[in-house]
Amino acid sequence: MATTTAGTAAASAPARRRRRRSVEGKPRLAVAFTVLFFALLYIPIIVVVIFSFNSRKSLSSFGSFSLRWYDQFFHDEQLLSSLRASILISTVAMIGSLILGTMLAFALEKIRSRRARVVGTVTLVPLVTPEIVTGVAALLFFTGLGIKLSLTTVILAEITFSISYVAVIVRGRLAAMSDEVEEAARDLGCTPLQALRLVTLPMILPALIASGLLVFALVFDDFVLAFFVTGVDP
């Protein structure tokens, strides 16, 4: 009996070692893929940044270090005006979509009904709709109401487009939270508004920051939607 037990233990030892090597190898493989992913993502950006100091007008050969292009940029009023407009639109769209998207996320998470599920599904539509379709729809909407195209219409269109991103991210954080935390705050004497301000909002703050930065980057980089609703004045 002892011989059988020893033999079984000896036979299972290599299997345990193989499983251990397999478990230990997976994180290394994941780290390797992560490093490769970020390298492919950021190396082209780093190359563009380096060549922005190129004295030549080329992305293939580097002449010498120069601030020529930055000097031209900061002395071009049209480019500076475009930059200011982009920052203004991105900032206002980020704030507006954060407020509306967070309110929508709270509503979808707290209200458990068929109507809420339908609204939640509709919320995902802008995420999968081609941007040119959204741009044409926004153009037809504003012109149908007789609203003159301007920076205001761009901001409104970008807010409408960005609400879905905020709602999805914040709703995911709310779904991961336990209702007992807010209930405990209520039991300790907090009003609903105090529980929201002192407990819930600090817990979802990372999701708010992440969605805000994402919306700012998306709106700042957006061209198609802005092209349809900008008009001729800006």
C-alpha atoms as a PDB file:
ATOM      1  CA  MET A   1       0.000   0.000   0.000  1.00  0.00           C
ATOM      2  CA  ALA A   2       2.864   2.362   0.904  1.00  0.00           C
ATOM      3  CA  THR A   3       4.579   1.494  -2.374  1.00  0.00           C
ATOM      4  CA  THR A   4       1.425   2.333  -4.328  1.00  0.00           C
ATOM      5  CA  THR A   5       1.038   5.657  -2.528  1.00  0.00           C
ATOM      6  CA  ALA A   6       4.678   6.576  -3.134  1.00  0.00           C
ATOM      7  CA  GLY A   7       4.342   5.658  -6.799  1.00  0.00           C
ATOM      8  CA  THR A   8       1.230   7.790  -7.177  1.00  0.00           C
ATOM      9  CA  ALA A   9       2.937  10.739  -5.491  1.00  0.00           C
ATOM     10  CA  ALA A  10       5.995  10.345  -7.708  1.00  0.00           C
ATOM     11  CA  ALA A  11       3.821  10.193 -10.826  1.00  0.00           C
ATOM     12  CA  SER A  12       1.832  13.270  -9.843  1.00  0.00           C
ATOM     13  CA  ALA A  13       4.945  15.343  -9.075  1.00  0.00           C
ATOM     14  CA  PRO A  14       5.795  15.976 -12.773  1.00  0.00           C
ATOM     15  CA  ALA A  15       2.162  16.890 -13.435  1.00  0.00           C
ATOM     16  CA  ARG A  16       2.255  19.419 -10.595  1.00  0.00           C
ATOM     17  CA  ARG A  17       5.488  20.880 -11.944  1.00  0.00           C
ATOM     18  CA  ARG A  18       3.968  21.205 -15.422  1.00  0.00           C
ATOM     19  CA  ARG A  19       0.900  22.968 -14.020  1.00  0.00           C
ATOM     20  CA  ARG A  20       3.108  25.287 -11.988  1.00  0.00           C
ATOM     21  CA  ARG A  21       5.192  26.172 -15.039  1.00  0.00           C
ATOM     22  CA  SER A  22       2.003  26.750 -17.027  1.00  0.00           C
ATOM     23  CA  VAL A  23       0.590  29.070 -14.368  1.00  0.00           C
ATOM     24  CA  GLU A  24       3.888  30.903 -14.035  1.00  0.00           C
ATOM     25  CA  GLY A  25       4.225  31.259 -17.805  1.00  0.00           C
ATOM     26  CA  LYS A  26       0.849  32.894 -18.365  1.00  0.00           C
ATOM     27  CA  PRO A  27       1.665  36.181 -16.582  1.00  0.00           C
ATOM     28  CA  ARG A  28       4.929  36.441 -18.499  1.00  0.00           C
ATOM     29  CA  LEU A  29       3.072  35.927 -21.768  1.00  0.00           C
ATOM     30  CA  ALA A  30       0.486  38.512 -20.752  1.00  0.00           C
ATOM     31  CA  VAL A  31       3.237  40.990 -19.850  1.00  0.00           C
ATOM     32  CA  ALA A  32       4.922  40.382 -23.203  1.00  0.00           C
ATOM     33  CA  PHE A  33       1.693  41.010 -25.112  1.00  0.00           C
ATOM     34  CA  THR A  34       1.031  44.139 -23.024  1.00  0.00           C
ATOM     35  CA  VAL A  35       4.499  45.528 -23.739  1.00  0.00           C
ATOM     36  CA  LEU A  36       4.113  44.756 -27.449  1.00  0.00           C
ATOM     37  CA  PHE A  37       0.681  46.406 -27.528  1.00  0.00           C
ATOM     38  CA  PHE A  38       1.858  49.633 -25.914  1.00  0.00           C
ATOM     39  CA  ALA A  39       4.997  49.660 -28.059  1.00  0.00           C
ATOM     40  CA  LEU A  40       2.930  49.448 -31.261  1.00  0.00           C
ATOM     41  CA  LEU A  41       0.564  52.070 -29.866  1.00  0.00           C
ATOM     42  CA  TYR A  42       3.046  54.692 -28.698  1.00  0.00           C
ATOM     43  CA  ILE A  43       6.147  54.277 -30.854  1.00  0.00           C
ATOM     44  CA  PRO A  44       4.507  55.945 -33.919  1.00  0.00           C
ATOM     45  CA  ILE A  45       3.405  58.838 -31.693  1.00  0.00           C
ATOM     46  CA  ILE A  46       6.919  59.198 -30.280  1.00  0.00           C
ATOM     47  CA  VAL A  47       8.359  59.195 -33.814  1.00  0.00           C
ATOM     48  CA  VAL A  48       5.950  61.959 -34.875  1.00  0.00           C
ATOM     49  CA  VAL A  49       6.875  64.022 -31.798  1.00  0.00           C
ATOM     50  CA  ILE A  50      10.589  63.622 -32.557  1.00  0.00           C
ATOM     51  CA  PHE A  51      10.146  64.599 -36.203  1.00  0.00           C
ATOM     52  CA  SER A  52       8.154  67.669 -35.175  1.00  0.00           C
ATOM     53  CA  PHE A  53      11.566  69.112 -34.238  1.00  0.00           C
ATOM     54  CA  ASN A  54      12.969  68.258 -37.661  1.00  0.00           C
ATOM     55  CA  SER A  55      14.352  71.187 -39.637  1.00  0.00           C
ATOM     56  CA  ARG A  56      13.275  69.450 -42.840  1.00  0.00           C
ATOM     57  CA  LYS A  57       9.735  68.989 -44.066  1.00  0.00           C
ATOM     58  CA  SER A  58      10.042  65.219 -43.978  1.00  0.00           C
ATOM     59  CA  LEU A  59       9.010  62.203 -41.918  1.00  0.00           C
ATOM     60  CA  SER A  60      11.694  59.958 -43.367  1.00  0.00           C
ATOM     61  CA  SER A  61      14.957  61.864 -42.943  1.00  0.00           C
ATOM     62  CA  PHE A  62      15.922  63.948 -39.922  1.00  0.00           C
ATOM     63  CA  GLY A  63      18.030  66.998 -40.679  1.00  0.00           C
ATOM     64  CA  SER A  64      18.749  68.877 -37.467  1.00  0.00           C
ATOM     65  CA  PHE A  65      16.934  69.920 -34.318  1.00  0.00           C
ATOM     66  CA  SER A  66      14.740  72.953 -34.966  1.00  0.00           C
ATOM     67  CA  LEU A  67      11.710  74.756 -33.538  1.00  0.00           C
ATOM     68  CA  ARG A  68      10.777  76.021 -36.999  1.00  0.00           C
ATOM     69  CA  TRP A  69       7.350  74.403 -37.180  1.00  0.00           C
ATOM     70  CA  TYR A  70       6.377  75.420 -33.648  1.00  0.00           C
ATOM     71  CA  ASP A  71       7.386  78.989 -34.401  1.00  0.00           C
ATOM     72  CA  GLN A  72       5.199  78.988 -37.516  1.00  0.00           C
ATOM     73  CA  PHE A  73       2.317  77.475 -35.578  1.00  0.00           C
ATOM     74  CA  PHE A  74       2.352  80.020 -32.744  1.00  0.00           C
ATOM     75  CA  HIS A  75       2.500  82.874 -35.259  1.00  0.00           C
ATOM     76  CA  ASP A  76      -0.430  81.592 -37.339  1.00  0.00           C
ATOM     77  CA  GLU A  77      -3.600  83.174 -35.992  1.00  0.00           C
ATOM     78  CA  GLN A  78      -5.884  80.827 -37.927  1.00  0.00           C
ATOM     79  CA  LEU A  79      -4.270  77.748 -36.401  1.00  0.00           C
ATOM     80  CA  LEU A  80      -4.331  79.292 -32.918  1.00  0.00           C
ATOM     81  CA  SER A  81      -7.995  80.177 -33.375  1.00  0.00           C
ATOM     82  CA  SER A  82      -8.728  76.590 -34.404  1.00  0.00           C
ATOM     83  CA  LEU A  83      -6.845  75.295 -31.372  1.00  0.00           C
ATOM     84  CA  ARG A  84      -8.804  77.563 -29.014  1.00  0.00           C
ATOM     85  CA  ALA A  85     -12.080  76.478 -30.610  1.00  0.00           C
ATOM     86  CA  SER A  86     -11.146  72.798 -30.305  1.00  0.00           C
ATOM     87  CA  ILE A  87     -10.220  73.169 -26.628  1.00  0.00           C
ATOM     88  CA  LEU A  88     -13.426  75.109 -25.917  1.00  0.00           C
ATOM     89  CA  ILE A  89     -15.635  72.552 -27.669  1.00  0.00           C
ATOM     90  CA  SER A  90     -13.878  69.607 -26.012  1.00  0.00           C
ATOM     91  CA  THR A  91     -14.073  71.118 -22.528  1.00  0.00           C
ATOM     92  CA  VAL A  92     -17.742  72.113 -22.714  1.00  0.00           C
ATOM     93  CA  ALA A  93     -18.692  68.796 -24.343  1.00  0.00           C
ATOM     94  CA  MET A  94     -16.808  66.910 -21.645  1.00  0.00           C
ATOM     95  CA  ILE A  95     -18.592  68.754 -18.820  1.00  0.00           C
ATOM     96  CA  GLY A  96     -22.021  68.491 -20.462  1.00  0.00           C
ATOM     97  CA  SER A  97     -21.696  64.810 -21.308  1.00  0.00           C
ATOM     98  CA  LEU A  98     -20.367  64.034 -17.817  1.00  0.00           C
ATOM     99  CA  ILE A  99     -23.415  65.592 -16.186  1.00  0.00           C
ATOM    100  CA  LEU A 100     -26.009  64.116 -18.531  1.00  0.00           C
ATOM    101  CA  GLY A 101     -24.267  60.756 -18.942  1.00  0.00           C
ATOM    102  CA  THR A 102     -23.891  60.291 -15.178  1.00  0.00           C
ATOM    103  CA  MET A 103     -27.554  61.113 -14.626  1.00  0.00           C
ATOM    104  CA  LEU A 104     -28.495  58.629 -17.341  1.00  0.00           C
ATOM    105  CA  ALA A 105     -26.256  55.956 -15.809  1.00  0.00           C
ATOM    106  CA  PHE A 106     -27.904  56.429 -12.389  1.00  0.00           C
ATOM    107  CA  ALA A 107     -31.360  56.210 -13.926  1.00  0.00           C
ATOM    108  CA  LEU A 108     -30.578  53.068 -15.919  1.00  0.00           C
ATOM    109  CA  GLU A 109     -28.976  51.380 -12.906  1.00  0.00           C
ATOM    110  CA  LYS A 110     -31.653  52.290 -10.359  1.00  0.00           C
ATOM    111  CA  ILE A 111     -34.763  51.761 -12.463  1.00  0.00           C
ATOM    112  CA  ARG A 112     -35.387  48.066 -13.115  1.00  0.00           C
ATOM    113  CA  SER A 113     -38.068  47.895 -15.765  1.00  0.00           C
ATOM    114  CA  ARG A 114     -38.553  46.917 -19.385  1.00  0.00           C
ATOM    115  CA  ARG A 115     -38.640  50.559 -20.406  1.00  0.00           C
ATOM    116  CA  ALA A 116     -35.285  51.172 -18.724  1.00  0.00           C
ATOM    117  CA  ARG A 117     -33.781  48.191 -20.567  1.00  0.00           C
ATOM    118  CA  VAL A 118     -35.026  49.600 -23.874  1.00  0.00           C
ATOM    119  CA  VAL A 119     -33.508  52.994 -23.063  1.00  0.00           C
ATOM    120  CA  GLY A 120     -30.256  51.272 -22.089  1.00  0.00           C
ATOM    121  CA  THR A 121     -30.148  49.518 -25.442  1.00  0.00           C
ATOM    122  CA  VAL A 122     -30.836  52.754 -27.318  1.00  0.00           C
ATOM    123  CA  THR A 123     -28.001  54.367 -25.357  1.00  0.00           C
ATOM    124  CA  LEU A 124     -25.546  52.010 -27.042  1.00  0.00           C
ATOM    125  CA  VAL A 125     -26.639  52.967 -30.565  1.00  0.00           C
ATOM    126  CA  PRO A 126     -24.221  55.950 -30.953  1.00  0.00           C
ATOM    127  CA  LEU A 127     -21.325  53.640 -30.085  1.00  0.00           C
ATOM    128  CA  VAL A 128     -21.949  51.452 -33.133  1.00  0.00           C
ATOM    129  CA  THR A 129     -23.418  54.015 -35.544  1.00  0.00           C
ATOM    130  CA  PRO A 130     -21.018  55.283 -38.254  1.00  0.00           C
ATOM    131  CA  GLU A 131     -20.018  58.831 -37.427  1.00  0.00           C
ATOM    132  CA  ILE A 132     -20.982  60.131 -40.842  1.00  0.00           C
ATOM    133  CA  VAL A 133     -24.549  58.949 -40.194  1.00  0.00           C
ATOM    134  CA  THR A 134     -24.579  60.832 -36.897  1.00  0.00           C
ATOM    135  CA  GLY A 135     -23.219  63.927 -38.622  1.00  0.00           C
ATOM    136  CA  VAL A 136     -25.854  63.892 -41.360  1.00  0.00           C
ATOM    137  CA  ALA A 137     -28.613  63.288 -38.803  1.00  0.00           C
ATOM    138  CA  ALA A 138     -27.403  66.203 -36.663  1.00  0.00           C
ATOM    139  CA  LEU A 139     -27.216  68.445 -39.731  1.00  0.00           C
ATOM    140  CA  LEU A 140     -30.776  67.574 -40.769  1.00  0.00           C
ATOM    141  CA  PHE A 141     -32.002  68.075 -37.205  1.00  0.00           C
ATOM    142  CA  PHE A 142     -30.507  71.555 -36.803  1.00  0.00           C
ATOM    143  CA  THR A 143     -31.473  72.757 -40.268  1.00  0.00           C
ATOM    144  CA  GLY A 144     -34.976  71.326 -39.816  1.00  0.00           C
ATOM    145  CA  LEU A 145     -35.404  73.415 -36.656  1.00  0.00           C
ATOM    146  CA  GLY A 146     -33.975  76.479 -38.368  1.00  0.00           C
ATOM    147  CA  ILE A 147     -30.964  76.667 -36.032  1.00  0.00           C
ATOM    148  CA  LYS A 148     -27.959  78.439 -37.516  1.00  0.00           C
ATOM    149  CA  LEU A 149     -24.864  76.248 -37.609  1.00  0.00           C
ATOM    150  CA  SER A 150     -22.121  77.531 -35.316  1.00  0.00           C
ATOM    151  CA  LEU A 151     -19.843  76.449 -32.497  1.00  0.00           C
ATOM    152  CA  THR A 152     -22.959  76.051 -30.362  1.00  0.00           C
ATOM    153  CA  THR A 153     -24.369  73.401 -32.687  1.00  0.00           C
ATOM    154  CA  VAL A 154     -20.995  71.649 -32.698  1.00  0.00           C
ATOM    155  CA  ILE A 155     -21.002  71.540 -28.888  1.00  0.00           C
ATOM    156  CA  LEU A 156     -24.578  70.257 -28.765  1.00  0.00           C
ATOM    157  CA  ALA A 157     -23.843  67.554 -31.332  1.00  0.00           C
ATOM    158  CA  GLU A 158     -20.663  66.467 -29.559  1.00  0.00           C
ATOM    159  CA  ILE A 159     -22.445  66.296 -26.193  1.00  0.00           C
ATOM    160  CA  THR A 160     -25.186  64.154 -27.708  1.00  0.00           C
ATOM    161  CA  PHE A 161     -22.591  61.889 -29.296  1.00  0.00           C
ATOM    162  CA  SER A 162     -20.520  61.569 -26.094  1.00  0.00           C
ATOM    163  CA  ILE A 163     -23.263  60.866 -23.550  1.00  0.00           C
ATOM    164  CA  SER A 164     -23.212  57.157 -24.398  1.00  0.00           C
ATOM    165  CA  TYR A 165     -19.521  56.774 -23.525  1.00  0.00           C
ATOM    166  CA  VAL A 166     -20.023  58.356 -20.110  1.00  0.00           C
ATOM    167  CA  ALA A 167     -23.189  56.376 -19.403  1.00  0.00           C
ATOM    168  CA  VAL A 168     -21.573  53.035 -20.253  1.00  0.00           C
ATOM    169  CA  ILE A 169     -18.434  53.631 -18.159  1.00  0.00           C
ATOM    170  CA  VAL A 170     -20.215  55.103 -15.134  1.00  0.00           C
ATOM    171  CA  ARG A 171     -22.948  52.482 -15.246  1.00  0.00           C
ATOM    172  CA  GLY A 172     -20.332  49.751 -15.180  1.00  0.00           C
ATOM    173  CA  ARG A 173     -18.843  51.269 -12.010  1.00  0.00           C
ATOM    174  CA  LEU A 174     -22.276  51.608 -10.425  1.00  0.00           C
ATOM    175  CA  ALA A 175     -23.087  47.982 -11.222  1.00  0.00           C
ATOM    176  CA  ALA A 176     -19.922  46.904  -9.399  1.00  0.00           C
ATOM    177  CA  MET A 177     -20.904  48.844  -6.270  1.00  0.00           C
ATOM    178  CA  SER A 178     -22.934  47.285  -3.489  1.00  0.00           C
ATOM    179  CA  ASP A 179     -26.244  48.908  -2.588  1.00  0.00           C
ATOM    180  CA  GLU A 180     -25.434  48.240   1.056  1.00  0.00           C
ATOM    181  CA  VAL A 181     -22.873  51.069   1.080  1.00  0.00           C
ATOM    182  CA  GLU A 182     -25.443  53.719   0.263  1.00  0.00           C
ATOM    183  CA  GLU A 183     -27.980  52.088   2.565  1.00  0.00           C
ATOM    184  CA  ALA A 184     -25.450  52.186   5.420  1.00  0.00           C
ATOM    185  CA  ALA A 185     -24.934  55.900   4.819  1.00  0.00           C
ATOM    186  CA  ARG A 186     -28.686  56.419   4.962  1.00  0.00           C
ATOM    187  CA  ASP A 187     -28.900  54.423   8.202  1.00  0.00           C
ATOM    188  CA  LEU A 188     -26.210  56.651   9.707  1.00  0.00           C
ATOM    189  CA  GLY A 189     -28.338  59.731   9.108  1.00  0.00           C
ATOM    190  CA  CYS A 190     -27.385  60.916   5.618  1.00  0.00           C
ATOM    191  CA  THR A 191     -30.054  62.335   3.392  1.00  0.00           C
ATOM    192  CA  PRO A 192     -30.245  60.916  -0.154  1.00  0.00           C
ATOM    193  CA  LEU A 193     -28.341  63.949  -1.455  1.00  0.00           C
ATOM    194  CA  GLN A 194     -25.652  63.619   1.244  1.00  0.00           C
ATOM    195  CA  ALA A 195     -25.264  59.893   0.552  1.00  0.00           C
ATOM    196  CA  LEU A 196     -24.834  60.707  -3.115  1.00  0.00           C
ATOM    197  CA  ARG A 197     -22.309  63.486  -2.475  1.00  0.00           C
ATOM    198  CA  LEU A 198     -20.302  61.886   0.328  1.00  0.00           C
ATOM    199  CA  VAL A 199     -20.421  58.194  -0.576  1.00  0.00           C
ATOM    200  CA  THR A 200     -21.506  57.408  -4.120  1.00  0.00           C
ATOM    201  CA  LEU A 201     -19.723  60.155  -6.057  1.00  0.00           C
ATOM    202  CA  PRO A 202     -16.312  59.566  -4.397  1.00  0.00           C
ATOM    203  CA  MET A 203     -16.621  55.853  -5.203  1.00  0.00           C
ATOM    204  CA  ILE A 204     -17.385  56.457  -8.881  1.00  0.00           C
ATOM    205  CA  LEU A 205     -14.813  59.270  -9.191  1.00  0.00           C
ATOM    206  CA  PRO A 206     -12.308  57.081 -11.135  1.00  0.00           C
ATOM    207  CA  ALA A 207     -15.028  56.256 -13.674  1.00  0.00           C
ATOM    208  CA  LEU A 208     -15.915  59.939 -13.972  1.00  0.00           C
ATOM    209  CA  ILE A 209     -12.288  60.918 -14.564  1.00  0.00           C
ATOM    210  CA  ALA A 210     -11.771  58.121 -17.085  1.00  0.00           C
ATOM    211  CA  SER A 211     -14.927  58.933 -19.046  1.00  0.00           C
ATOM    212  CA  GLY A 212     -14.171  62.660 -18.951  1.00  0.00           C
ATOM    213  CA  LEU A 213     -10.671  62.181 -20.355  1.00  0.00           C
ATOM    214  CA  LEU A 214     -12.009  59.792 -22.994  1.00  0.00           C
ATOM    215  CA  VAL A 215     -14.696  62.240 -24.108  1.00  0.00           C
ATOM    216  CA  PHE A 216     -12.221  65.138 -24.219  1.00  0.00           C
ATOM    217  CA  ALA A 217      -9.850  63.127 -26.425  1.00  0.00           C
ATOM    218  CA  LEU A 218     -12.644  61.884 -28.707  1.00  0.00           C
ATOM    219  CA  VAL A 219     -14.168  65.329 -29.195  1.00  0.00           C
ATOM    220  CA  PHE A 220     -10.798  67.041 -29.654  1.00  0.00           C
ATOM    221  CA  ASP A 221      -9.895  64.508 -32.332  1.00  0.00           C
ATOM    222  CA  ASP A 222     -13.316  64.451 -33.998  1.00  0.00           C
ATOM    223  CA  PHE A 223     -13.645  65.882 -37.492  1.00  0.00           C
ATOM    224  CA  VAL A 224     -16.555  64.197 -39.269  1.00  0.00           C
ATOM    225  CA  LEU A 225     -19.335  65.226 -36.885  1.00  0.00           C
ATOM    226  CA  ALA A 226     -17.903  68.729 -36.464  1.00  0.00           C
ATOM    227  CA  PHE A 227     -17.605  69.134 -40.240  1.00  0.00           C
ATOM    228  CA  PHE A 228     -21.351  68.668 -40.748  1.00  0.00           C
ATOM    229  CA  VAL A 229     -22.560  70.972 -37.971  1.00  0.00           C
ATOM    230  CA  THR A 230     -19.950  73.755 -37.937  1.00  0.00           C
ATOM    231  CA  GLY A 231     -21.303  75.917 -40.717  1.00  0.00           C
ATOM    232  CA  VAL A 232     -19.249  78.575 -42.497  1.00  0.00           C
ATOM    233  CA  ASP A 233     -18.632  81.177 -39.767  1.00  0.00           C
ATOM    234  CA  PRO A 234     -16.165  79.385 -37.415  1.00  0.00           C
END
